[in-house]
C-alpha atoms as a PDB file:
ATOM      1  CA  MET A   1       0.000   0.000   0.000  1.00  0.00           C
ATOM      2  CA  GLY A   2       2.492   2.563  -1.155  1.00  0.00           C
ATOM      3  CA  ASP A   3       6.247   2.910  -1.198  1.00  0.00           C
ATOM      4  CA  LYS A   4       8.167   3.191   2.044  1.00  0.00           C
ATOM      5  CA  GLY A   5       8.563   6.860   2.913  1.00  0.00           C
ATOM      6  CA  THR A   6       5.334   7.929   1.196  1.00  0.00           C
ATOM      7  CA  GLU A   7       3.111   9.933   3.513  1.00  0.00           C
ATOM      8  CA  ARG A   8      -0.177   8.148   4.021  1.00  0.00           C
ATOM      9  CA  ALA A   9      -3.592   9.053   5.347  1.00  0.00           C
ATOM     10  CA  PHE A  10      -5.718   6.467   7.135  1.00  0.00           C
ATOM     11  CA  ILE A  11      -9.448   7.082   6.924  1.00  0.00           C
ATOM     12  CA  GLY A  12     -11.951   5.390   9.232  1.00  0.00           C
ATOM     13  CA  SER A  13     -15.494   4.591   8.128  1.00  0.00           C
ATOM     14  CA  PHE A  14     -18.763   2.964   9.161  1.00  0.00           C
ATOM     15  CA  THR A  15     -19.036  -0.451   7.519  1.00  0.00           C
ATOM     16  CA  SER A  16     -22.625  -0.660   8.798  1.00  0.00           C
ATOM     17  CA  SER A  17     -23.439   2.303   6.509  1.00  0.00           C
ATOM     18  CA  GLY A  18     -21.558   1.142   3.417  1.00  0.00           C
ATOM     19  CA  GLY A  19     -17.982   1.908   4.447  1.00  0.00           C
ATOM     20  CA  ARG A  20     -15.185  -0.460   3.409  1.00  0.00           C
ATOM     21  CA  GLY A  21     -13.129  -0.376   6.596  1.00  0.00           C
ATOM     22  CA  ILE A  22      -9.956   1.719   6.915  1.00  0.00           C
ATOM     23  CA  VAL A  23      -9.110   3.350   3.582  1.00  0.00           C
ATOM     24  CA  VAL A  24      -5.391   3.989   3.040  1.00  0.00           C
ATOM     25  CA  ALA A  25      -4.455   6.926   0.801  1.00  0.00           C
ATOM     26  CA  ALA A  26      -1.190   8.414  -0.406  1.00  0.00           C
ATOM     27  CA  VAL A  27      -0.746  12.136   0.311  1.00  0.00           C
ATOM     28  CA  GLU A  28       0.729  14.197  -2.520  1.00  0.00           C
ATOM     29  CA  PRO A  29       3.467  16.350  -0.904  1.00  0.00           C
ATOM     30  CA  GLU A  30       2.823  19.622  -2.720  1.00  0.00           C
ATOM     31  CA  THR A  31      -0.954  19.743  -2.994  1.00  0.00           C
ATOM     32  CA  GLY A  32      -2.100  17.437  -0.184  1.00  0.00           C
ATOM     33  CA  ALA A  33      -4.249  15.516  -2.655  1.00  0.00           C
ATOM     34  CA  LEU A  34      -5.290  12.012  -1.607  1.00  0.00           C
ATOM     35  CA  THR A  35      -5.072   8.919  -3.803  1.00  0.00           C
ATOM     36  CA  GLU A  36      -6.499   5.638  -2.534  1.00  0.00           C
ATOM     37  CA  ILE A  37      -3.920   2.841  -2.398  1.00  0.00           C
ATOM     38  CA  GLY A  38      -5.634   0.180  -0.294  1.00  0.00           C
ATOM     39  CA  VAL A  39      -8.168  -0.861   2.334  1.00  0.00           C
ATOM     40  CA  ILE A  40      -7.799  -2.546   5.741  1.00  0.00           C
ATOM     41  CA  ASP A  41     -10.917  -4.568   6.513  1.00  0.00           C
ATOM     42  CA  ALA A  42     -10.432  -6.223   9.901  1.00  0.00           C
ATOM     43  CA  VAL A  43     -13.092  -4.933  12.312  1.00  0.00           C
ATOM     44  CA  PRO A  44     -16.619  -3.550  11.801  1.00  0.00           C
ATOM     45  CA  ASP A  45     -17.174   0.208  12.028  1.00  0.00           C
ATOM     46  CA  PRO A  46     -13.547   1.364  12.535  1.00  0.00           C
ATOM     47  CA  SER A  47     -14.814   4.889  13.108  1.00  0.00           C
ATOM     48  CA  CYS A  48     -11.946   6.486  15.038  1.00  0.00           C
ATOM     49  CA  LEU A  49      -8.204   6.045  14.524  1.00  0.00           C
ATOM     50  CA  THR A  50      -4.970   7.157  16.136  1.00  0.00           C
ATOM     51  CA  VAL A  51      -1.292   6.635  15.309  1.00  0.00           C
ATOM     52  CA  ASP A  52       1.368   6.084  17.963  1.00  0.00           C
ATOM     53  CA  HIS A  53       5.044   6.756  17.260  1.00  0.00           C
ATOM     54  CA  THR A  54       6.356   6.435  20.816  1.00  0.00           C
ATOM     55  CA  GLY A  55       6.480   2.687  21.421  1.00  0.00           C
ATOM     56  CA  ALA A  56       6.949  -0.088  18.903  1.00  0.00           C
ATOM     57  CA  GLY A  57       5.520   2.336  16.318  1.00  0.00           C
ATOM     58  CA  PRO A  58       4.433   3.539  14.113  1.00  0.00           C
ATOM     59  CA  VAL A  59       1.284   1.657  15.095  1.00  0.00           C
ATOM     60  CA  LEU A  60      -2.230   2.441  13.890  1.00  0.00           C
ATOM     61  CA  TYR A  61      -5.057   1.800  16.349  1.00  0.00           C
ATOM     62  CA  ALA A  62      -8.772   1.642  15.529  1.00  0.00           C
ATOM     63  CA  VAL A  63     -11.912   1.307  17.606  1.00  0.00           C
ATOM     64  CA  SER A  64     -14.779  -0.860  16.470  1.00  0.00           C
ATOM     65  CA  GLU A  65     -17.742   1.404  17.276  1.00  0.00           C
ATOM     66  CA  THR A  66     -20.167  -1.420  18.030  1.00  0.00           C
ATOM     67  CA  ALA A  67     -22.070  -2.693  21.041  1.00  0.00           C
ATOM     68  CA  LEU A  68     -19.335  -5.306  21.532  1.00  0.00           C
ATOM     69  CA  GLY A  69     -16.622  -2.630  21.591  1.00  0.00           C
ATOM     70  CA  LEU A  70     -13.200  -3.619  20.255  1.00  0.00           C
ATOM     71  CA  VAL A  71      -9.794  -2.108  19.498  1.00  0.00           C
ATOM     72  CA  ALA A  72      -7.410  -3.322  16.804  1.00  0.00           C
ATOM     73  CA  ALA A  73      -3.737  -2.567  16.138  1.00  0.00           C
ATOM     74  CA  TYR A  74      -1.752  -2.475  12.883  1.00  0.00           C
ATOM     75  CA  ASP A  75       1.982  -2.211  12.238  1.00  0.00           C
ATOM     76  CA  ILE A  76       2.344   0.520   9.604  1.00  0.00           C
ATOM     77  CA  ALA A  77       6.154   0.753   9.582  1.00  0.00           C
ATOM     78  CA  GLY A  78       6.288  -0.976   6.179  1.00  0.00           C
ATOM     79  CA  PRO A  79       4.421  -0.276   2.972  1.00  0.00           C
ATOM     80  CA  ASP A  80       1.700  -2.819   3.802  1.00  0.00           C
ATOM     81  CA  PRO A  81      -0.169  -2.470   7.132  1.00  0.00           C
ATOM     82  CA  ARG A  82       0.006  -5.653   9.192  1.00  0.00           C
ATOM     83  CA  PRO A  83      -2.380  -6.628  12.021  1.00  0.00           C
ATOM     84  CA  ILE A  84      -0.704  -6.929  15.421  1.00  0.00           C
ATOM     85  CA  GLY A  85      -2.372  -9.610  17.503  1.00  0.00           C
ATOM     86  CA  VAL A  86      -6.156  -9.872  17.493  1.00  0.00           C
ATOM     87  CA  PRO A  87      -8.847  -7.288  18.286  1.00  0.00           C
ATOM     88  CA  VAL A  88      -9.360  -6.855  22.029  1.00  0.00           C
ATOM     89  CA  ALA A  89     -12.606  -6.065  23.869  1.00  0.00           C
ATOM     90  CA  VAL A  90     -12.715  -2.700  25.653  1.00  0.00           C
ATOM     91  CA  GLN A  91     -15.340  -3.951  28.120  1.00  0.00           C
ATOM     92  CA  GLY A  92     -17.508  -1.012  27.134  1.00  0.00           C
ATOM     93  CA  GLU A  93     -20.140  -0.289  24.504  1.00  0.00           C
ATOM     94  CA  VAL A  94     -19.800   1.815  21.373  1.00  0.00           C
ATOM     95  CA  PRO A  95     -16.266   3.259  21.734  1.00  0.00           C
ATOM     96  CA  THR A  96     -16.070   6.542  19.819  1.00  0.00           C
ATOM     97  CA  HIS A  97     -12.531   7.762  20.536  1.00  0.00           C
ATOM     98  CA  LEU A  98      -9.118   6.449  21.525  1.00  0.00           C
ATOM     99  CA  THR A  99      -5.678   7.707  22.413  1.00  0.00           C
ATOM    100  CA  VAL A 100      -2.246   6.399  23.430  1.00  0.00           C
ATOM    101  CA  THR A 101      -0.328   7.765  26.394  1.00  0.00           C
ATOM    102  CA  ARG A 102       2.526   6.434  28.510  1.00  0.00           C
ATOM    103  CA  GLY A 103       2.357   2.867  27.233  1.00  0.00           C
ATOM    104  CA  HIS A 104      -1.419   2.523  27.451  1.00  0.00           C
ATOM    105  CA  LEU A 105      -4.319   2.683  25.012  1.00  0.00           C
ATOM    106  CA  LEU A 106      -7.458   4.419  26.299  1.00  0.00           C
ATOM    107  CA  THR A 107     -10.939   4.436  24.792  1.00  0.00           C
ATOM    108  CA  ALA A 108     -13.989   6.630  25.388  1.00  0.00           C
ATOM    109  CA  ASN A 109     -17.057   4.399  25.322  1.00  0.00           C
ATOM    110  CA  TYR A 110     -20.119   6.419  24.370  1.00  0.00           C
ATOM    111  CA  GLY A 111     -22.695   3.683  24.842  1.00  0.00           C
ATOM    112  CA  SER A 112     -21.670   2.642  28.341  1.00  0.00           C
ATOM    113  CA  GLY A 113     -20.406   6.054  29.491  1.00  0.00           C
ATOM    114  CA  SER A 114     -17.001   4.727  30.489  1.00  0.00           C
ATOM    115  CA  VAL A 115     -13.276   5.079  29.853  1.00  0.00           C
ATOM    116  CA  THR A 116     -11.156   1.961  29.373  1.00  0.00           C
ATOM    117  CA  VAL A 117      -7.416   1.524  29.936  1.00  0.00           C
ATOM    118  CA  LEU A 118      -5.563  -1.216  28.025  1.00  0.00           C
ATOM    119  CA  PRO A 119      -1.820  -1.752  28.626  1.00  0.00           C
ATOM    120  CA  LEU A 120       0.272  -2.106  25.474  1.00  0.00           C
ATOM    121  CA  ALA A 121       2.685  -4.977  24.921  1.00  0.00           C
ATOM    122  CA  ALA A 122       6.200  -4.416  23.560  1.00  0.00           C
ATOM    123  CA  ASP A 123       4.993  -5.007  19.998  1.00  0.00           C
ATOM    124  CA  GLY A 124       2.223  -2.427  20.399  1.00  0.00           C
ATOM    125  CA  SER A 125      -0.636  -4.885  20.741  1.00  0.00           C
ATOM    126  CA  PRO A 126      -3.291  -4.025  23.353  1.00  0.00           C
ATOM    127  CA  ARG A 127      -3.659  -6.365  26.320  1.00  0.00           C
ATOM    128  CA  THR A 128      -6.762  -7.092  28.379  1.00  0.00           C
ATOM    129  CA  ALA A 129      -8.273  -3.990  29.977  1.00  0.00           C
ATOM    130  CA  SER A 130      -6.662  -3.058  33.298  1.00  0.00           C
ATOM    131  CA  ASP A 131      -9.304  -0.502  34.291  1.00  0.00           C
ATOM    132  CA  VAL A 132     -12.769   0.644  33.247  1.00  0.00           C
ATOM    133  CA  ARG A 133     -13.917   3.920  34.789  1.00  0.00           C
ATOM    134  CA  HIS A 134     -17.688   4.440  34.653  1.00  0.00           C
ATOM    135  CA  GLN A 135     -18.985   7.989  34.739  1.00  0.00           C
ATOM    136  CA  ALA A 136     -22.155   9.031  36.582  1.00  0.00           C
ATOM    137  CA  GLY A 137     -24.867  11.626  36.066  1.00  0.00           C
ATOM    138  CA  SER A 138     -27.136  12.976  33.336  1.00  0.00           C
ATOM    139  CA  GLY A 139     -28.171  16.223  31.652  1.00  0.00           C
ATOM    140  CA  PRO A 140     -31.341  18.087  30.701  1.00  0.00           C
ATOM    141  CA  HIS A 141     -31.602  16.770  27.124  1.00  0.00           C
ATOM    142  CA  ARG A 142     -34.060  13.891  27.492  1.00  0.00           C
ATOM    143  CA  THR A 143     -32.863  11.675  24.659  1.00  0.00           C
ATOM    144  CA  ARG A 144     -29.163  12.529  24.438  1.00  0.00           C
ATOM    145  CA  GLN A 145     -28.329  13.071  28.121  1.00  0.00           C
ATOM    146  CA  SER A 146     -30.292  10.445  30.026  1.00  0.00           C
ATOM    147  CA  ALA A 147     -26.987   8.794  31.025  1.00  0.00           C
ATOM    148  CA  PRO A 148     -23.223   9.375  30.759  1.00  0.00           C
ATOM    149  CA  HIS A 149     -21.778   9.293  27.234  1.00  0.00           C
ATOM    150  CA  ALA A 150     -17.992   9.552  27.169  1.00  0.00           C
ATOM    151  CA  HIS A 151     -17.141  10.887  23.713  1.00  0.00           C
ATOM    152  CA  GLN A 152     -13.422  11.675  23.820  1.00  0.00           C
ATOM    153  CA  VAL A 153     -10.373  10.761  25.878  1.00  0.00           C
ATOM    154  CA  LEU A 154      -6.946  12.365  25.427  1.00  0.00           C
ATOM    155  CA  PRO A 155      -3.781  13.279  27.328  1.00  0.00           C
ATOM    156  CA  ASP A 156      -2.939  16.880  28.112  1.00  0.00           C
ATOM    157  CA  PRO A 157       0.154  18.401  26.415  1.00  0.00           C
ATOM    158  CA  SER A 158       2.308  17.772  29.500  1.00  0.00           C
ATOM    159  CA  GLY A 159       1.480  14.064  29.429  1.00  0.00           C
ATOM    160  CA  ARG A 160       0.686  14.127  33.152  1.00  0.00           C
ATOM    161  CA  TRP A 161      -3.096  13.922  32.895  1.00  0.00           C
ATOM    162  CA  VAL A 162      -5.891  12.230  30.974  1.00  0.00           C
ATOM    163  CA  LEU A 163      -9.064  14.159  30.122  1.00  0.00           C
ATOM    164  CA  SER A 164     -12.442  12.615  29.338  1.00  0.00           C
ATOM    165  CA  VAL A 165     -15.173  14.656  27.648  1.00  0.00           C
ATOM    166  CA  ASP A 166     -18.672  13.394  28.509  1.00  0.00           C
ATOM    167  CA  LEU A 167     -21.587  14.541  26.361  1.00  0.00           C
ATOM    168  CA  GLY A 168     -24.231  13.010  28.627  1.00  0.00           C
ATOM    169  CA  THR A 169     -23.226  14.719  31.868  1.00  0.00           C
ATOM    170  CA  ASP A 170     -21.898  18.089  30.610  1.00  0.00           C
ATOM    171  CA  LYS A 171     -18.550  17.389  32.279  1.00  0.00           C
ATOM    172  CA  VAL A 172     -14.861  17.125  31.523  1.00  0.00           C
ATOM    173  CA  SER A 173     -13.080  14.794  33.949  1.00  0.00           C
ATOM    174  CA  VAL A 174      -9.344  14.906  34.640  1.00  0.00           C
ATOM    175  CA  PHE A 175      -7.609  11.690  35.694  1.00  0.00           C
ATOM    176  CA  SER A 176      -4.128  10.664  36.714  1.00  0.00           C
ATOM    177  CA  LEU A 177      -2.853   7.418  35.191  1.00  0.00           C
ATOM    178  CA  ASP A 178      -0.953   4.909  37.312  1.00  0.00           C
ATOM    179  CA  THR A 179       1.277   3.359  34.670  1.00  0.00           C
ATOM    180  CA  GLN A 180       2.268   0.426  36.872  1.00  0.00           C
ATOM    181  CA  ALA A 181      -1.272  -0.656  37.716  1.00  0.00           C
ATOM    182  CA  GLY A 182      -2.890   0.692  34.555  1.00  0.00           C
ATOM    183  CA  THR A 183      -5.594   2.463  36.551  1.00  0.00           C
ATOM    184  CA  LEU A 184      -7.181   5.911  36.513  1.00  0.00           C
ATOM    185  CA  THR A 185      -7.793   8.117  39.562  1.00  0.00           C
ATOM    186  CA  LEU A 186     -10.132  11.098  39.345  1.00  0.00           C
ATOM    187  CA  ASN A 187      -8.299  14.355  40.005  1.00  0.00           C
ATOM    188  CA  ALA A 188     -10.880  17.019  39.115  1.00  0.00           C
ATOM    189  CA  GLU A 189     -14.142  17.562  37.258  1.00  0.00           C
ATOM    190  CA  THR A 190     -15.238  20.606  35.282  1.00  0.00           C
ATOM    191  CA  SER A 191     -18.989  21.139  34.981  1.00  0.00           C
ATOM    192  CA  LEU A 192     -20.214  23.020  31.926  1.00  0.00           C
ATOM    193  CA  ARG A 193     -23.536  24.738  31.376  1.00  0.00           C
ATOM    194  CA  PRO A 194     -26.366  22.151  31.460  1.00  0.00           C
ATOM    195  CA  GLY A 195     -27.305  21.081  27.950  1.00  0.00           C
ATOM    196  CA  THR A 196     -23.930  21.936  26.408  1.00  0.00           C
ATOM    197  CA  GLY A 197     -23.378  18.335  25.379  1.00  0.00           C
ATOM    198  CA  PRO A 198     -19.571  18.594  25.104  1.00  0.00           C
ATOM    199  CA  ARG A 199     -18.205  16.370  22.342  1.00  0.00           C
ATOM    200  CA  HIS A 200     -14.469  17.044  21.916  1.00  0.00           C
ATOM    201  CA  LEU A 201     -11.825  19.487  23.093  1.00  0.00           C
ATOM    202  CA  ALA A 202      -8.592  20.724  21.547  1.00  0.00           C
ATOM    203  CA  PHE A 203      -5.574  22.251  23.296  1.00  0.00           C
ATOM    204  CA  HIS A 204      -3.861  25.506  22.375  1.00  0.00           C
ATOM    205  CA  PRO A 205      -0.235  24.893  21.265  1.00  0.00           C
ATOM    206  CA  SER A 206       0.959  26.804  24.350  1.00  0.00           C
ATOM    207  CA  GLY A 207      -0.583  24.085  26.520  1.00  0.00           C
ATOM    208  CA  ASN A 208      -2.211  26.712  28.745  1.00  0.00           C
ATOM    209  CA  HIS A 209      -5.704  26.702  27.243  1.00  0.00           C
ATOM    210  CA  ALA A 210      -8.216  24.283  25.809  1.00  0.00           C
ATOM    211  CA  TYR A 211     -11.389  24.713  23.779  1.00  0.00           C
ATOM    212  CA  VAL A 212     -14.429  22.504  24.348  1.00  0.00           C
ATOM    213  CA  LEU A 213     -16.886  22.130  21.475  1.00  0.00           C
ATOM    214  CA  GLY A 214     -20.542  21.688  22.401  1.00  0.00           C
ATOM    215  CA  GLU A 215     -22.513  19.271  20.230  1.00  0.00           C
ATOM    216  CA  LEU A 216     -25.956  19.999  21.695  1.00  0.00           C
ATOM    217  CA  GLU A 217     -25.272  23.721  22.145  1.00  0.00           C
ATOM    218  CA  PRO A 218     -23.262  24.980  19.121  1.00  0.00           C
ATOM    219  CA  ALA A 219     -20.617  26.903  21.032  1.00  0.00           C
ATOM    220  CA  VAL A 220     -16.940  26.914  21.945  1.00  0.00           C
ATOM    221  CA  ILE A 221     -16.044  27.082  25.636  1.00  0.00           C
ATOM    222  CA  ALA A 222     -12.569  28.540  26.191  1.00  0.00           C
ATOM    223  CA  CYS A 223     -10.830  27.166  29.288  1.00  0.00           C
ATOM    224  CA  ARG A 224      -7.630  27.806  31.193  1.00  0.00           C
ATOM    225  CA  TRP A 225      -5.602  24.655  31.724  1.00  0.00           C
ATOM    226  CA  ASP A 226      -3.445  24.331  34.863  1.00  0.00           C
ATOM    227  CA  ALA A 227      -1.051  21.484  34.062  1.00  0.00           C
ATOM    228  CA  ALA A 228       0.523  21.607  37.519  1.00  0.00           C
ATOM    229  CA  ALA A 229      -2.777  21.033  39.317  1.00  0.00           C
ATOM    230  CA  GLY A 230      -4.639  19.177  36.570  1.00  0.00           C
ATOM    231  CA  VAL A 231      -7.571  21.598  36.592  1.00  0.00           C
ATOM    232  CA  LEU A 232      -9.634  22.915  33.662  1.00  0.00           C
ATOM    233  CA  GLU A 233     -11.370  26.276  34.249  1.00  0.00           C
ATOM    234  CA  PRO A 234     -13.955  27.715  31.808  1.00  0.00           C
ATOM    235  CA  VAL A 235     -13.403  31.416  31.120  1.00  0.00           C
ATOM    236  CA  GLY A 236     -15.779  32.207  28.264  1.00  0.00           C
ATOM    237  CA  THR A 237     -18.367  30.827  25.830  1.00  0.00           C
ATOM    238  CA  THR A 238     -18.603  31.822  22.179  1.00  0.00           C
ATOM    239  CA  PRO A 239     -21.667  30.775  20.126  1.00  0.00           C
ATOM    240  CA  LEU A 240     -20.714  29.459  16.694  1.00  0.00           C
ATOM    241  CA  PHE A 241     -23.701  31.311  15.259  1.00  0.00           C
ATOM    242  CA  PRO A 242     -23.981  34.643  17.150  1.00  0.00           C
ATOM    243  CA  GLY A 243     -27.175  35.636  15.334  1.00  0.00           C
ATOM    244  CA  GLY A 244     -28.854  32.308  15.986  1.00  0.00           C
ATOM    245  CA  ILE A 245     -29.724  29.603  13.503  1.00  0.00           C
ATOM    246  CA  GLY A 246     -33.040  28.000  12.699  1.00  0.00           C
ATOM    247  CA  GLU A 247     -32.000  24.516  11.604  1.00  0.00           C
ATOM    248  CA  ALA A 248     -30.696  21.667  13.708  1.00  0.00           C
ATOM    249  CA  VAL A 249     -26.906  21.675  13.848  1.00  0.00           C
ATOM    250  CA  SER A 250     -24.428  19.286  15.399  1.00  0.00           C
ATOM    251  CA  PRO A 251     -20.824  20.505  15.793  1.00  0.00           C
ATOM    252  CA  SER A 252     -18.313  17.678  15.666  1.00  0.00           C
ATOM    253  CA  ALA A 253     -14.600  18.506  15.750  1.00  0.00           C
ATOM    254  CA  PRO A 254     -12.499  21.456  16.987  1.00  0.00           C
ATOM    255  CA  VAL A 255      -8.995  22.067  15.589  1.00  0.00           C
ATOM    256  CA  VAL A 256      -6.459  24.727  16.643  1.00  0.00           C
ATOM    257  CA  SER A 257      -3.881  26.122  14.211  1.00  0.00           C
ATOM    258  CA  LEU A 258      -0.214  25.418  14.880  1.00  0.00           C
ATOM    259  CA  ASP A 259       0.439  29.097  15.635  1.00  0.00           C
ATOM    260  CA  GLY A 260      -2.532  29.344  18.009  1.00  0.00           C
ATOM    261  CA  ARG A 261      -4.202  32.151  16.044  1.00  0.00           C
ATOM    262  CA  HIS A 262      -7.198  30.261  14.698  1.00  0.00           C
ATOM    263  CA  LEU A 263      -9.748  27.689  15.782  1.00  0.00           C
ATOM    264  CA  TRP A 264     -11.783  25.688  13.284  1.00  0.00           C
ATOM    265  CA  ALA A 265     -14.980  23.820  14.103  1.00  0.00           C
ATOM    266  CA  ALA A 266     -16.736  21.370  11.785  1.00  0.00           C
ATOM    267  CA  VAL A 267     -20.516  21.703  11.935  1.00  0.00           C
ATOM    268  CA  ARG A 268     -22.883  18.986  10.748  1.00  0.00           C
ATOM    269  CA  GLY A 269     -26.296  20.188   9.590  1.00  0.00           C
ATOM    270  CA  THR A 270     -24.933  23.375   8.053  1.00  0.00           C
ATOM    271  CA  ASP A 271     -22.084  21.274   6.555  1.00  0.00           C
ATOM    272  CA  THR A 272     -19.603  24.045   7.202  1.00  0.00           C
ATOM    273  CA  VAL A 273     -16.322  24.845   8.885  1.00  0.00           C
ATOM    274  CA  THR A 274     -16.594  27.813  11.235  1.00  0.00           C
ATOM    275  CA  VAL A 275     -13.429  29.883  11.524  1.00  0.00           C
ATOM    276  CA  LEU A 276     -12.725  31.633  14.833  1.00  0.00           C
ATOM    277  CA  ASP A 277      -9.867  33.997  15.626  1.00  0.00           C
ATOM    278  CA  LEU A 278      -8.159  33.525  18.994  1.00  0.00           C
ATOM    279  CA  ASP A 279      -6.731  36.473  20.902  1.00  0.00           C
ATOM    280  CA  ALA A 280      -3.120  36.587  22.071  1.00  0.00           C
ATOM    281  CA  ALA A 281      -4.079  35.372  25.544  1.00  0.00           C
ATOM    282  CA  GLY A 282      -5.948  32.418  24.098  1.00  0.00           C
ATOM    283  CA  GLU A 283      -9.068  33.173  26.144  1.00  0.00           C
ATOM    284  CA  HIS A 284     -11.358  34.779  23.583  1.00  0.00           C
ATOM    285  CA  ALA A 285     -12.627  33.262  20.337  1.00  0.00           C
ATOM    286  CA  GLU A 286     -14.393  35.355  17.706  1.00  0.00           C
ATOM    287  CA  PRO A 287     -16.222  33.802  14.734  1.00  0.00           C
ATOM    288  CA  VAL A 288     -15.008  35.439  11.514  1.00  0.00           C
ATOM    289  CA  ALA A 289     -16.212  33.138   8.725  1.00  0.00           C
ATOM    290  CA  SER A 290     -18.153  30.013   7.872  1.00  0.00           C
ATOM    291  CA  VAL A 291     -17.248  28.098   4.711  1.00  0.00           C
ATOM    292  CA  PRO A 292     -18.622  24.915   3.087  1.00  0.00           C
ATOM    293  CA  CYS A 293     -16.862  21.743   4.200  1.00  0.00           C
ATOM    294  CA  GLY A 294     -17.096  20.308   0.677  1.00  0.00           C
ATOM    295  CA  GLY A 295     -19.531  17.525   1.537  1.00  0.00           C
ATOM    296  CA  ARG A 296     -22.335  16.503   3.862  1.00  0.00           C
ATOM    297  CA  TRP A 297     -22.157  15.803   7.599  1.00  0.00           C
ATOM    298  CA  PRO A 298     -18.459  16.457   8.475  1.00  0.00           C
ATOM    299  CA  ARG A 299     -17.933  13.987  11.304  1.00  0.00           C
ATOM    300  CA  ASP A 300     -14.248  14.767  11.700  1.00  0.00           C
ATOM    301  CA  LEU A 301     -11.865  17.591  10.867  1.00  0.00           C
ATOM    302  CA  ALA A 302      -8.106  17.055  10.852  1.00  0.00           C
ATOM    303  CA  LEU A 303      -5.183  19.428  10.391  1.00  0.00           C
ATOM    304  CA  HIS A 304      -2.321  18.206   8.221  1.00  0.00           C
ATOM    305  CA  PRO A 305       0.989  18.110  10.169  1.00  0.00           C
ATOM    306  CA  SER A 306       2.252  20.973   8.011  1.00  0.00           C
ATOM    307  CA  GLY A 307      -0.578  23.155   9.299  1.00  0.00           C
ATOM    308  CA  THR A 308      -1.372  24.325   5.763  1.00  0.00           C
ATOM    309  CA  ARG A 309      -4.590  22.412   5.073  1.00  0.00           C
ATOM    310  CA  LEU A 310      -7.604  20.818   6.697  1.00  0.00           C
ATOM    311  CA  TYR A 311      -9.285  17.518   5.864  1.00  0.00           C
ATOM    312  CA  ALA A 312     -13.005  16.981   6.448  1.00  0.00           C
ATOM    313  CA  ALA A 313     -14.355  13.423   6.713  1.00  0.00           C
ATOM    314  CA  ASN A 314     -17.868  13.862   5.326  1.00  0.00           C
ATOM    315  CA  GLU A 315     -19.905  10.897   6.491  1.00  0.00           C
ATOM    316  CA  ARG A 316     -23.169  11.292   4.562  1.00  0.00           C
ATOM    317  CA  SER A 317     -21.746  12.426   1.222  1.00  0.00           C
ATOM    318  CA  GLY A 318     -19.084   9.714   1.484  1.00  0.00           C
ATOM    319  CA  ASP A 319     -15.896  11.657   0.835  1.00  0.00           C
ATOM    320  CA  VAL A 320     -12.867  13.313   2.377  1.00  0.00           C
ATOM    321  CA  THR A 321     -12.343  16.924   1.278  1.00  0.00           C
ATOM    322  CA  TRP A 322      -9.081  18.791   1.655  1.00  0.00           C
ATOM    323  CA  LEU A 323      -9.124  22.547   2.124  1.00  0.00           C
ATOM    324  CA  ASP A 324      -6.147  24.869   1.741  1.00  0.00           C
ATOM    325  CA  VAL A 325      -5.837  27.366   4.601  1.00  0.00           C
ATOM    326  CA  ASP A 326      -5.066  31.022   3.938  1.00  0.00           C
ATOM    327  CA  PRO A 327      -2.072  31.635   6.249  1.00  0.00           C
ATOM    328  CA  ALA A 328      -3.098  35.236   6.963  1.00  0.00           C
ATOM    329  CA  THR A 329      -6.810  34.820   7.657  1.00  0.00           C
ATOM    330  CA  GLY A 330      -7.073  31.135   8.558  1.00  0.00           C
ATOM    331  CA  ILE A 331      -9.983  30.791   6.124  1.00  0.00           C
ATOM    332  CA  PRO A 332      -9.968  27.427   4.300  1.00  0.00           C
ATOM    333  CA  HIS A 333     -10.874  26.906   0.638  1.00  0.00           C
ATOM    334  CA  ARG A 334     -11.821  23.611  -0.961  1.00  0.00           C
ATOM    335  CA  ALA A 335      -9.022  22.111  -3.056  1.00  0.00           C
ATOM    336  CA  GLY A 336     -10.221  18.570  -3.834  1.00  0.00           C
ATOM    337  CA  SER A 337     -11.859  15.415  -2.518  1.00  0.00           C
ATOM    338  CA  LEU A 338     -11.570  11.618  -2.439  1.00  0.00           C
ATOM    339  CA  PRO A 339     -14.623   9.317  -2.417  1.00  0.00           C
ATOM    340  CA  VAL A 340     -14.738   7.361   0.860  1.00  0.00           C
ATOM    341  CA  PRO A 341     -18.153   5.862   1.699  1.00  0.00           C
ATOM    342  CA  ALA A 342     -19.338   6.657   5.258  1.00  0.00           C
ATOM    343  CA  ALA A 343     -16.076   8.443   6.130  1.00  0.00           C
ATOM    344  CA  SER A 344     -15.702   9.141   9.845  1.00  0.00           C
ATOM    345  CA  SER A 345     -12.107  10.145  10.736  1.00  0.00           C
ATOM    346  CA  ILE A 346      -8.671  10.748   9.278  1.00  0.00           C
ATOM    347  CA  VAL A 347      -5.096  10.536  10.618  1.00  0.00           C
ATOM    348  CA  PHE A 348      -1.679  10.859   8.990  1.00  0.00           C
ATOM    349  CA  ALA A 349       1.558   8.832   9.145  1.00  0.00           C
END
């Protein structure tokens, strides 16, 4: 699946909606254009992916977003991805996100409202879960917040803490990870406005701020991040649509520019990318533009490592669109697309 040294994109999809598994694409160096070079079809609904370069790596990990809840690992050091071990149960339902930190793979399990820790073996394969932390609580939205729904789990920039974003309880939880026991201990919780429905957060490159994107309330919540204490403090909320909007919208993915000047948010329903300018302190976000994402229902938005373009995984139109970013304004412009049925996420290696 490509020559060694060729940059590749790995695109997750929903096989239950016509996706073909994990689509592998070559990335053209100058234009960022994607060309499909293969497909990995090992687990159903590999909706979210991450790449780890710190251990045996590079290793590609995928969740299987099903009621059974699995994770799978692939050695991508060579031109042809190779499965490492067998898929492992996360002991949680419908995992929607995963991350690797300090020798462990963690998943956010939306269906069961839990976070799972799986130690990694020397070859990068996940072992049996060492801890499953169940959240508690609910929110005011009757159908979406009747129970906890962990939607994202990620380490902070210092690597000292693990944050879990829970859509069902309007909370972001901060944990410490015991790397010997493979267990999580709650350090602090940040409660957001009831009904926010937080989906994902993204850190500022300074490591001092983070931005939480509400899925139920289309807004960005700017927060101070205290890495010494492991505490997240909201300091301001910016609606994505200051004048209001009449149709149902569902924001999905926040991305911060490498220089910390811009924040982008993919919005399903309007099928747009909202561009927000960040002030020098990193505490105020101002919407400045909203541009088409190039498809329908952008489930994920990813920034290329160069910082020069964005990629939108458009689930319902079945494509991945790349958008060149104006370096002065941060406004993206569509440059091309690749058909990928039921596309859900994209990572680079």
